[in-house]
């Protein structure tokens, strides 16, 4: 539970400029779930990207989002592997 809060906070404070740069103005992410999977010895991260400008989505999704999640996980997560399950929505905040 604490990793979910820290990961969301890291995106909101540190990576918000990169999200805007990659996916346009008013883009943001929400982390809906972060659970540990014992059989795989890794964390599953469910993340939703809300896109302000869908033109950039075709070129950069999901690679840029996964890169940002990995960068955030390297800072706040433990050394376990992660599995990223991402989705996107075209609504705005």
PDB file of N, CA and C in Angstrom:
ATOM      1  N   UNK A   1       0.813  -1.200   0.000  1.00  0.00           N
ATOM      2  CA  UNK A   1       0.000   0.000   0.000  1.00  0.00           C
ATOM      3  C   UNK A   1       0.859   1.267   0.000  1.00  0.00           C
ATOM      4  N   UNK A   2       1.939   1.221   0.754  1.00  0.00           N
ATOM      5  CA  UNK A   2       2.773   2.423   0.812  1.00  0.00           C
ATOM      6  C   UNK A   2       3.446   2.698  -0.526  1.00  0.00           C
ATOM      7  N   UNK A   3       3.804   1.626  -1.268  1.00  0.00           N
ATOM      8  CA  UNK A   3       4.429   1.834  -2.571  1.00  0.00           C
ATOM      9  C   UNK A   3       3.469   2.523  -3.538  1.00  0.00           C
ATOM     10  N   UNK A   4       2.197   2.189  -3.464  1.00  0.00           N
ATOM     11  CA  UNK A   4       1.203   2.810  -4.340  1.00  0.00           C
ATOM     12  C   UNK A   4       1.133   4.313  -4.093  1.00  0.00           C
ATOM     13  N   UNK A   5       1.086   4.700  -2.829  1.00  0.00           N
ATOM     14  CA  UNK A   5       1.024   6.132  -2.494  1.00  0.00           C
ATOM     15  C   UNK A   5       2.290   6.857  -2.923  1.00  0.00           C
ATOM     16  N   UNK A   6       3.443   6.240  -2.652  1.00  0.00           N
ATOM     17  CA  UNK A   6       4.708   6.862  -3.029  1.00  0.00           C
ATOM     18  C   UNK A   6       4.855   6.968  -4.542  1.00  0.00           C
ATOM     19  N   UNK A   7       4.433   5.938  -5.243  1.00  0.00           N
ATOM     20  CA  UNK A   7       4.530   5.953  -6.697  1.00  0.00           C
ATOM     21  C   UNK A   7       3.626   7.041  -7.290  1.00  0.00           C
ATOM     22  N   UNK A   8       2.405   7.151  -6.783  1.00  0.00           N
ATOM     23  CA  UNK A   8       1.488   8.195  -7.253  1.00  0.00           C
ATOM     24  C   UNK A   8       2.048   9.582  -6.945  1.00  0.00           C
ATOM     25  N   UNK A   9       2.573   9.749  -5.762  1.00  0.00           N
ATOM     26  CA  UNK A   9       3.154  11.035  -5.377  1.00  0.00           C
ATOM     27  C   UNK A   9       4.365  11.376  -6.232  1.00  0.00           C
ATOM     28  N   UNK A  10       5.189  10.385  -6.532  1.00  0.00           N
ATOM     29  CA  UNK A  10       6.365  10.620  -7.379  1.00  0.00           C
ATOM     30  C   UNK A  10       5.945  11.062  -8.777  1.00  0.00           C
ATOM     31  N   UNK A  11       4.917  10.431  -9.324  1.00  0.00           N
ATOM     32  CA  UNK A  11       4.417  10.858 -10.633  1.00  0.00           C
ATOM     33  C   UNK A  11       3.866  12.279 -10.570  1.00  0.00           C
ATOM     34  N   UNK A  12       3.112  12.579  -9.533  1.00  0.00           N
ATOM     35  CA  UNK A  12       2.481  13.901  -9.425  1.00  0.00           C
ATOM     36  C   UNK A  12       3.497  15.014  -9.248  1.00  0.00           C
ATOM     37  N   UNK A  13       4.557  14.749  -8.499  1.00  0.00           N
ATOM     38  CA  UNK A  13       5.528  15.801  -8.184  1.00  0.00           C
ATOM     39  C   UNK A  13       6.724  15.834  -9.129  1.00  0.00           C
ATOM     40  N   UNK A  14       7.284  14.672  -9.439  1.00  0.00           N
ATOM     41  CA  UNK A  14       8.545  14.636 -10.172  1.00  0.00           C
ATOM     42  C   UNK A  14       8.407  14.392 -11.675  1.00  0.00           C
ATOM     43  N   UNK A  15       7.432  13.595 -12.072  1.00  0.00           N
ATOM     44  CA  UNK A  15       7.349  13.193 -13.477  1.00  0.00           C
ATOM     45  C   UNK A  15       6.216  13.881 -14.239  1.00  0.00           C
ATOM     46  N   UNK A  16       5.569  14.840 -13.636  1.00  0.00           N
ATOM     47  CA  UNK A  16       4.452  15.499 -14.315  1.00  0.00           C
ATOM     48  C   UNK A  16       4.912  16.280 -15.553  1.00  0.00           C
ATOM     49  N   UNK A  17       6.090  16.860 -15.498  1.00  0.00           N
ATOM     50  CA  UNK A  17       6.600  17.600 -16.662  1.00  0.00           C
ATOM     51  C   UNK A  17       6.891  16.668 -17.832  1.00  0.00           C
ATOM     52  N   UNK A  18       7.429  15.489 -17.543  1.00  0.00           N
ATOM     53  CA  UNK A  18       7.706  14.524 -18.606  1.00  0.00           C
ATOM     54  C   UNK A  18       6.407  13.998 -19.209  1.00  0.00           C
ATOM     55  N   UNK A  19       5.389  13.796 -18.377  1.00  0.00           N
ATOM     56  CA  UNK A  19       4.092  13.363 -18.908  1.00  0.00           C
ATOM     57  C   UNK A  19       3.525  14.392 -19.863  1.00  0.00           C
ATOM     58  N   UNK A  20       3.611  15.657 -19.492  1.00  0.00           N
ATOM     59  CA  UNK A  20       3.118  16.725 -20.367  1.00  0.00           C
ATOM     60  C   UNK A  20       3.945  16.791 -21.645  1.00  0.00           C
ATOM     61  N   UNK A  21       5.234  16.612 -21.514  1.00  0.00           N
ATOM     62  CA  UNK A  21       6.118  16.639 -22.683  1.00  0.00           C
ATOM     63  C   UNK A  21       5.803  15.502 -23.652  1.00  0.00           C
ATOM     64  N   UNK A  22       5.541  14.312 -23.136  1.00  0.00           N
ATOM     65  CA  UNK A  22       5.292  13.145 -23.979  1.00  0.00           C
ATOM     66  C   UNK A  22       3.860  13.075 -24.504  1.00  0.00           C
ATOM     67  N   UNK A  23       2.885  13.379 -23.648  1.00  0.00           N
ATOM     68  CA  UNK A  23       1.494  13.115 -24.001  1.00  0.00           C
ATOM     69  C   UNK A  23       0.615  14.359 -24.066  1.00  0.00           C
ATOM     70  N   UNK A  24       1.177  15.535 -23.896  1.00  0.00           N
ATOM     71  CA  UNK A  24       0.410  16.752 -24.072  1.00  0.00           C
ATOM     72  C   UNK A  24      -0.084  17.353 -22.770  1.00  0.00           C
ATOM     73  N   UNK A  25      -0.568  18.572 -22.910  1.00  0.00           N
ATOM     74  CA  UNK A  25      -1.078  19.337 -21.780  1.00  0.00           C
ATOM     75  C   UNK A  25      -2.234  18.601 -21.116  1.00  0.00           C
ATOM     76  N   UNK A  26      -2.328  18.701 -19.813  1.00  0.00           N
ATOM     77  CA  UNK A  26      -3.381  18.092 -18.980  1.00  0.00           C
ATOM     78  C   UNK A  26      -3.304  16.566 -18.920  1.00  0.00           C
ATOM     79  N   UNK A  27      -2.167  15.991 -19.249  1.00  0.00           N
ATOM     80  CA  UNK A  27      -2.002  14.541 -19.125  1.00  0.00           C
ATOM     81  C   UNK A  27      -1.570  14.209 -17.703  1.00  0.00           C
ATOM     82  N   UNK A  28      -2.093  13.115 -17.194  1.00  0.00           N
ATOM     83  CA  UNK A  28      -1.738  12.654 -15.856  1.00  0.00           C
ATOM     84  C   UNK A  28      -1.979  11.155 -15.759  1.00  0.00           C
ATOM     85  N   UNK A  29      -1.487  10.547 -14.697  1.00  0.00           N
ATOM     86  CA  UNK A  29      -1.668   9.113 -14.477  1.00  0.00           C
ATOM     87  C   UNK A  29      -2.299   8.877 -13.111  1.00  0.00           C
ATOM     88  N   UNK A  30      -2.984   7.742 -13.007  1.00  0.00           N
ATOM     89  CA  UNK A  30      -3.459   7.261 -11.710  1.00  0.00           C
ATOM     90  C   UNK A  30      -3.041   5.801 -11.573  1.00  0.00           C
ATOM     91  N   UNK A  31      -2.639   5.459 -10.398  1.00  0.00           N
ATOM     92  CA  UNK A  31      -2.259   4.085 -10.098  1.00  0.00           C
ATOM     93  C   UNK A  31      -3.431   3.468  -9.354  1.00  0.00           C
ATOM     94  N   UNK A  32      -4.092   2.536 -10.010  1.00  0.00           N
ATOM     95  CA  UNK A  32      -5.293   1.964  -9.411  1.00  0.00           C
ATOM     96  C   UNK A  32      -4.979   0.802  -8.489  1.00  0.00           C
ATOM     97  N   UNK A  33      -3.898   0.090  -8.748  1.00  0.00           N
ATOM     98  CA  UNK A  33      -3.580  -1.065  -7.927  1.00  0.00           C
ATOM     99  C   UNK A  33      -2.091  -1.370  -8.029  1.00  0.00           C
ATOM    100  N   UNK A  34      -1.538  -1.808  -6.919  1.00  0.00           N
ATOM    101  CA  UNK A  34      -0.161  -2.255  -6.885  1.00  0.00           C
ATOM    102  C   UNK A  34      -0.122  -3.430  -5.917  1.00  0.00           C
ATOM    103  N   UNK A  35       0.087  -4.620  -6.442  1.00  0.00           N
ATOM    104  CA  UNK A  35       0.071  -5.823  -5.617  1.00  0.00           C
ATOM    105  C   UNK A  35       1.313  -6.659  -5.870  1.00  0.00           C
ATOM    106  N   UNK A  36       1.660  -7.424  -4.856  1.00  0.00           N
ATOM    107  CA  UNK A  36       2.804  -8.320  -4.957  1.00  0.00           C
ATOM    108  C   UNK A  36       2.312  -9.704  -5.365  1.00  0.00           C
ATOM    109  N   UNK A  37       2.954 -10.277  -6.363  1.00  0.00           N
ATOM    110  CA  UNK A  37       2.616 -11.613  -6.843  1.00  0.00           C
ATOM    111  C   UNK A  37       3.728 -12.557  -6.386  1.00  0.00           C
ATOM    112  N   UNK A  38       3.394 -13.423  -5.464  1.00  0.00           N
ATOM    113  CA  UNK A  38       4.411 -14.313  -4.884  1.00  0.00           C
ATOM    114  C   UNK A  38       4.978 -15.296  -5.894  1.00  0.00           C
ATOM    115  N   UNK A  39       4.128 -15.844  -6.733  1.00  0.00           N
ATOM    116  CA  UNK A  39       4.613 -16.863  -7.671  1.00  0.00           C
ATOM    117  C   UNK A  39       5.619 -16.300  -8.669  1.00  0.00           C
ATOM    118  N   UNK A  40       5.502 -15.043  -8.997  1.00  0.00           N
ATOM    119  CA  UNK A  40       6.436 -14.413  -9.938  1.00  0.00           C
ATOM    120  C   UNK A  40       7.511 -13.595  -9.237  1.00  0.00           C
ATOM    121  N   UNK A  41       7.362 -13.417  -7.932  1.00  0.00           N
ATOM    122  CA  UNK A  41       8.281 -12.607  -7.135  1.00  0.00           C
ATOM    123  C   UNK A  41       8.459 -11.225  -7.738  1.00  0.00           C
ATOM    124  N   UNK A  42       7.335 -10.613  -8.055  1.00  0.00           N
ATOM    125  CA  UNK A  42       7.351  -9.278  -8.651  1.00  0.00           C
ATOM    126  C   UNK A  42       6.067  -8.542  -8.279  1.00  0.00           C
ATOM    127  N   UNK A  43       6.072  -7.244  -8.523  1.00  0.00           N
ATOM    128  CA  UNK A  43       4.910  -6.405  -8.262  1.00  0.00           C
ATOM    129  C   UNK A  43       4.151  -6.167  -9.561  1.00  0.00           C
ATOM    130  N   UNK A  44       2.841  -6.168  -9.469  1.00  0.00           N
ATOM    131  CA  UNK A  44       1.970  -5.834 -10.599  1.00  0.00           C
ATOM    132  C   UNK A  44       1.451  -4.425 -10.377  1.00  0.00           C
ATOM    133  N   UNK A  45       1.702  -3.559 -11.347  1.00  0.00           N
ATOM    134  CA  UNK A  45       1.278  -2.164 -11.258  1.00  0.00           C
ATOM    135  C   UNK A  45       0.215  -1.917 -12.318  1.00  0.00           C
ATOM    136  N   UNK A  46      -0.979  -1.553 -11.883  1.00  0.00           N
ATOM    137  CA  UNK A  46      -2.058  -1.155 -12.794  1.00  0.00           C
ATOM    138  C   UNK A  46      -2.066   0.360 -12.857  1.00  0.00           C
ATOM    139  N   UNK A  47      -1.797   0.903 -14.030  1.00  0.00           N
ATOM    140  CA  UNK A  47      -1.686   2.344 -14.188  1.00  0.00           C
ATOM    141  C   UNK A  47      -2.540   2.784 -15.367  1.00  0.00           C
ATOM    142  N   UNK A  48      -3.210   3.912 -15.197  1.00  0.00           N
ATOM    143  CA  UNK A  48      -4.037   4.479 -16.255  1.00  0.00           C
ATOM    144  C   UNK A  48      -3.485   5.843 -16.632  1.00  0.00           C
ATOM    145  N   UNK A  49      -3.294   6.039 -17.909  1.00  0.00           N
ATOM    146  CA  UNK A  49      -2.813   7.307 -18.448  1.00  0.00           C
ATOM    147  C   UNK A  49      -4.010   8.076 -18.986  1.00  0.00           C
ATOM    148  N   UNK A  50      -4.193   9.288 -18.510  1.00  0.00           N
ATOM    149  CA  UNK A  50      -5.232  10.180 -19.026  1.00  0.00           C
ATOM    150  C   UNK A  50      -4.543  11.184 -19.934  1.00  0.00           C
ATOM    151  N   UNK A  51      -4.938  11.190 -21.189  1.00  0.00           N
ATOM    152  CA  UNK A  51      -4.208  11.919 -22.226  1.00  0.00           C
ATOM    153  C   UNK A  51      -4.916  13.223 -22.569  1.00  0.00           C
ATOM    154  N   UNK A  52      -4.128  14.294 -22.633  1.00  0.00           N
ATOM    155  CA  UNK A  52      -4.656  15.590 -23.025  1.00  0.00           C
ATOM    156  C   UNK A  52      -4.663  15.776 -24.534  1.00  0.00           C
ATOM    157  N   UNK A  53      -3.653  15.269 -25.216  1.00  0.00           N
ATOM    158  CA  UNK A  53      -3.554  15.389 -26.664  1.00  0.00           C
ATOM    159  C   UNK A  53      -3.331  13.996 -27.254  1.00  0.00           C
ATOM    160  N   UNK A  54      -4.361  13.400 -27.836  1.00  0.00           N
ATOM    161  CA  UNK A  54      -4.235  12.024 -28.315  1.00  0.00           C
ATOM    162  C   UNK A  54      -3.326  11.855 -29.538  1.00  0.00           C
ATOM    163  N   UNK A  55      -2.858  12.935 -30.141  1.00  0.00           N
ATOM    164  CA  UNK A  55      -1.986  12.822 -31.313  1.00  0.00           C
ATOM    165  C   UNK A  55      -0.677  12.117 -30.960  1.00  0.00           C
ATOM    166  N   UNK A  56      -0.159  12.375 -29.769  1.00  0.00           N
ATOM    167  CA  UNK A  56       1.120  11.790 -29.356  1.00  0.00           C
ATOM    168  C   UNK A  56       0.980  10.365 -28.862  1.00  0.00           C
ATOM    169  N   UNK A  57      -0.230   9.940 -28.637  1.00  0.00           N
ATOM    170  CA  UNK A  57      -0.467   8.633 -28.048  1.00  0.00           C
ATOM    171  C   UNK A  57       0.024   7.504 -28.951  1.00  0.00           C
ATOM    172  N   UNK A  58      -0.195   7.627 -30.222  1.00  0.00           N
ATOM    173  CA  UNK A  58       0.155   6.560 -31.168  1.00  0.00           C
ATOM    174  C   UNK A  58       1.654   6.288 -31.209  1.00  0.00           C
ATOM    175  N   UNK A  59       2.448   7.327 -31.089  1.00  0.00           N
ATOM    176  CA  UNK A  59       3.898   7.160 -31.198  1.00  0.00           C
ATOM    177  C   UNK A  59       4.560   6.718 -29.894  1.00  0.00           C
ATOM    178  N   UNK A  60       4.065   7.196 -28.769  1.00  0.00           N
ATOM    179  CA  UNK A  60       4.792   7.011 -27.522  1.00  0.00           C
ATOM    180  C   UNK A  60       4.180   6.017 -26.544  1.00  0.00           C
ATOM    181  N   UNK A  61       2.928   5.679 -26.708  1.00  0.00           N
ATOM    182  CA  UNK A  61       2.291   4.748 -25.783  1.00  0.00           C
ATOM    183  C   UNK A  61       2.518   3.328 -26.249  1.00  0.00           C
ATOM    184  N   UNK A  62       2.871   2.398 -25.462  1.00  0.00           N
ATOM    185  CA  UNK A  62       3.103   2.383 -24.015  1.00  0.00           C
ATOM    186  C   UNK A  62       4.563   2.532 -23.605  1.00  0.00           C
ATOM    187  N   UNK A  63       5.475   2.651 -24.565  1.00  0.00           N
ATOM    188  CA  UNK A  63       6.903   2.640 -24.237  1.00  0.00           C
ATOM    189  C   UNK A  63       7.322   3.783 -23.323  1.00  0.00           C
ATOM    190  N   UNK A  64       6.871   5.001 -23.611  1.00  0.00           N
ATOM    191  CA  UNK A  64       7.261   6.138 -22.786  1.00  0.00           C
ATOM    192  C   UNK A  64       6.675   6.020 -21.384  1.00  0.00           C
ATOM    193  N   UNK A  65       5.457   5.533 -21.284  1.00  0.00           N
ATOM    194  CA  UNK A  65       4.837   5.354 -19.976  1.00  0.00           C
ATOM    195  C   UNK A  65       5.580   4.290 -19.168  1.00  0.00           C
ATOM    196  N   UNK A  66       5.936   3.194 -19.787  1.00  0.00           N
ATOM    197  CA  UNK A  66       6.673   2.140 -19.093  1.00  0.00           C
ATOM    198  C   UNK A  66       8.052   2.623 -18.649  1.00  0.00           C
ATOM    199  N   UNK A  67       8.682   3.460 -19.451  1.00  0.00           N
ATOM    200  CA  UNK A  67       9.968   4.017 -19.074  1.00  0.00           C
ATOM    201  C   UNK A  67       9.824   4.896 -17.826  1.00  0.00           C
ATOM    202  N   UNK A  68       8.770   5.705 -17.779  1.00  0.00           N
ATOM    203  CA  UNK A  68       8.549   6.564 -16.620  1.00  0.00           C
ATOM    204  C   UNK A  68       8.218   5.753 -15.370  1.00  0.00           C
ATOM    205  N   UNK A  69       7.437   4.702 -15.523  1.00  0.00           N
ATOM    206  CA  UNK A  69       7.119   3.843 -14.385  1.00  0.00           C
ATOM    207  C   UNK A  69       8.383   3.167 -13.869  1.00  0.00           C
ATOM    208  N   UNK A  70       9.208   2.689 -14.759  1.00  0.00           N
ATOM    209  CA  UNK A  70      10.458   2.045 -14.356  1.00  0.00           C
ATOM    210  C   UNK A  70      11.369   3.033 -13.635  1.00  0.00           C
ATOM    211  N   UNK A  71      11.433   4.248 -14.121  1.00  0.00           N
ATOM    212  CA  UNK A  71      12.258   5.278 -13.485  1.00  0.00           C
ATOM    213  C   UNK A  71      11.753   5.575 -12.072  1.00  0.00           C
ATOM    214  N   UNK A  72      10.447   5.689 -11.935  1.00  0.00           N
ATOM    215  CA  UNK A  72       9.864   5.943 -10.615  1.00  0.00           C
ATOM    216  C   UNK A  72      10.085   4.760  -9.685  1.00  0.00           C
ATOM    217  N   UNK A  73       9.940   3.546 -10.205  1.00  0.00           N
ATOM    218  CA  UNK A  73      10.118   2.355  -9.375  1.00  0.00           C
ATOM    219  C   UNK A  73      11.553   2.221  -8.891  1.00  0.00           C
ATOM    220  N   UNK A  74      12.508   2.615  -9.702  1.00  0.00           N
ATOM    221  CA  UNK A  74      13.906   2.560  -9.293  1.00  0.00           C
ATOM    222  C   UNK A  74      14.182   3.491  -8.117  1.00  0.00           C
ATOM    223  N   UNK A  75      13.392   4.548  -7.998  1.00  0.00           N
ATOM    224  CA  UNK A  75      13.589   5.497  -6.911  1.00  0.00           C
ATOM    225  C   UNK A  75      12.858   5.049  -5.647  1.00  0.00           C
ATOM    226  N   UNK A  76      11.587   4.646  -5.748  1.00  0.00           N
ATOM    227  CA  UNK A  76      10.793   4.401  -4.546  1.00  0.00           C
ATOM    228  C   UNK A  76      10.563   2.929  -4.233  1.00  0.00           C
ATOM    229  N   UNK A  77      10.725   2.048  -5.200  1.00  0.00           N
ATOM    230  CA  UNK A  77      10.399   0.648  -4.985  1.00  0.00           C
ATOM    231  C   UNK A  77      11.550  -0.129  -4.391  1.00  0.00           C
ATOM    232  N   UNK A  78      11.252  -1.363  -3.981  1.00  0.00           N
ATOM    233  CA  UNK A  78      12.354  -2.213  -3.573  1.00  0.00           C
ATOM    234  C   UNK A  78      12.945  -2.854  -4.832  1.00  0.00           C
ATOM    235  N   UNK A  79      13.846  -3.751  -4.664  1.00  0.00           N
ATOM    236  CA  UNK A  79      14.581  -4.268  -5.824  1.00  0.00           C
ATOM    237  C   UNK A  79      13.864  -5.390  -6.562  1.00  0.00           C
ATOM    238  N   UNK A  80      12.604  -5.637  -6.257  1.00  0.00           N
ATOM    239  CA  UNK A  80      11.836  -6.674  -6.951  1.00  0.00           C
ATOM    240  C   UNK A  80      11.474  -6.193  -8.359  1.00  0.00           C
ATOM    241  N   UNK A  81      11.244  -7.141  -9.252  1.00  0.00           N
ATOM    242  CA  UNK A  81      10.822  -6.817 -10.614  1.00  0.00           C
ATOM    243  C   UNK A  81       9.389  -6.297 -10.608  1.00  0.00           C
ATOM    244  N   UNK A  82       9.015  -5.642 -11.696  1.00  0.00           N
ATOM    245  CA  UNK A  82       7.641  -5.148 -11.831  1.00  0.00           C
ATOM    246  C   UNK A  82       7.038  -5.639 -13.143  1.00  0.00           C
ATOM    247  N   UNK A  83       5.734  -5.766 -13.118  1.00  0.00           N
ATOM    248  CA  UNK A  83       4.934  -6.054 -14.304  1.00  0.00           C
ATOM    249  C   UNK A  83       3.985  -4.874 -14.446  1.00  0.00           C
ATOM    250  N   UNK A  84       3.985  -4.240 -15.594  1.00  0.00           N
ATOM    251  CA  UNK A  84       3.178  -3.045 -15.800  1.00  0.00           C
ATOM    252  C   UNK A  84       1.970  -3.395 -16.654  1.00  0.00           C
ATOM    253  N   UNK A  85       0.805  -3.102 -16.125  1.00  0.00           N
ATOM    254  CA  UNK A  85      -0.434  -3.290 -16.852  1.00  0.00           C
ATOM    255  C   UNK A  85      -1.026  -1.891 -17.034  1.00  0.00           C
ATOM    256  N   UNK A  86      -0.932  -1.374 -18.258  1.00  0.00           N
ATOM    257  CA  UNK A  86      -1.331   0.012 -18.479  1.00  0.00           C
ATOM    258  C   UNK A  86      -2.565   0.091 -19.376  1.00  0.00           C
ATOM    259  N   UNK A  87      -3.253   1.194 -19.219  1.00  0.00           N
ATOM    260  CA  UNK A  87      -4.383   1.527 -20.070  1.00  0.00           C
ATOM    261  C   UNK A  87      -4.398   3.045 -20.231  1.00  0.00           C
ATOM    262  N   UNK A  88      -5.248   3.517 -21.138  1.00  0.00           N
ATOM    263  CA  UNK A  88      -5.328   4.971 -21.323  1.00  0.00           C
ATOM    264  C   UNK A  88      -6.768   5.378 -21.499  1.00  0.00           C
ATOM    265  N   UNK A  89      -7.006   6.652 -21.255  1.00  0.00           N
ATOM    266  CA  UNK A  89      -8.328   7.233 -21.398  1.00  0.00           C
ATOM    267  C   UNK A  89      -8.124   8.614 -22.000  1.00  0.00           C
ATOM    268  N   UNK A  90      -9.041   9.032 -22.835  1.00  0.00           N
ATOM    269  CA  UNK A  90      -8.903  10.318 -23.514  1.00  0.00           C
ATOM    270  C   UNK A  90      -9.636  11.449 -22.807  1.00  0.00           C
ATOM    271  N   UNK A  91     -10.151  11.186 -21.638  1.00  0.00           N
ATOM    272  CA  UNK A  91     -10.811  12.253 -20.896  1.00  0.00           C
ATOM    273  C   UNK A  91      -9.779  13.111 -20.220  1.00  0.00           C
ATOM    274  N   UNK A  92     -10.204  14.299 -19.855  1.00  0.00           N
ATOM    275  CA  UNK A  92      -9.288  15.245 -19.236  1.00  0.00           C
ATOM    276  C   UNK A  92      -9.698  15.519 -17.803  1.00  0.00           C
ATOM    277  N   UNK A  93      -8.727  15.956 -17.019  1.00  0.00           N
ATOM    278  CA  UNK A  93      -8.921  16.261 -15.603  1.00  0.00           C
ATOM    279  C   UNK A  93      -9.745  17.509 -15.444  1.00  0.00           C
TER     280      UNK A  93
END
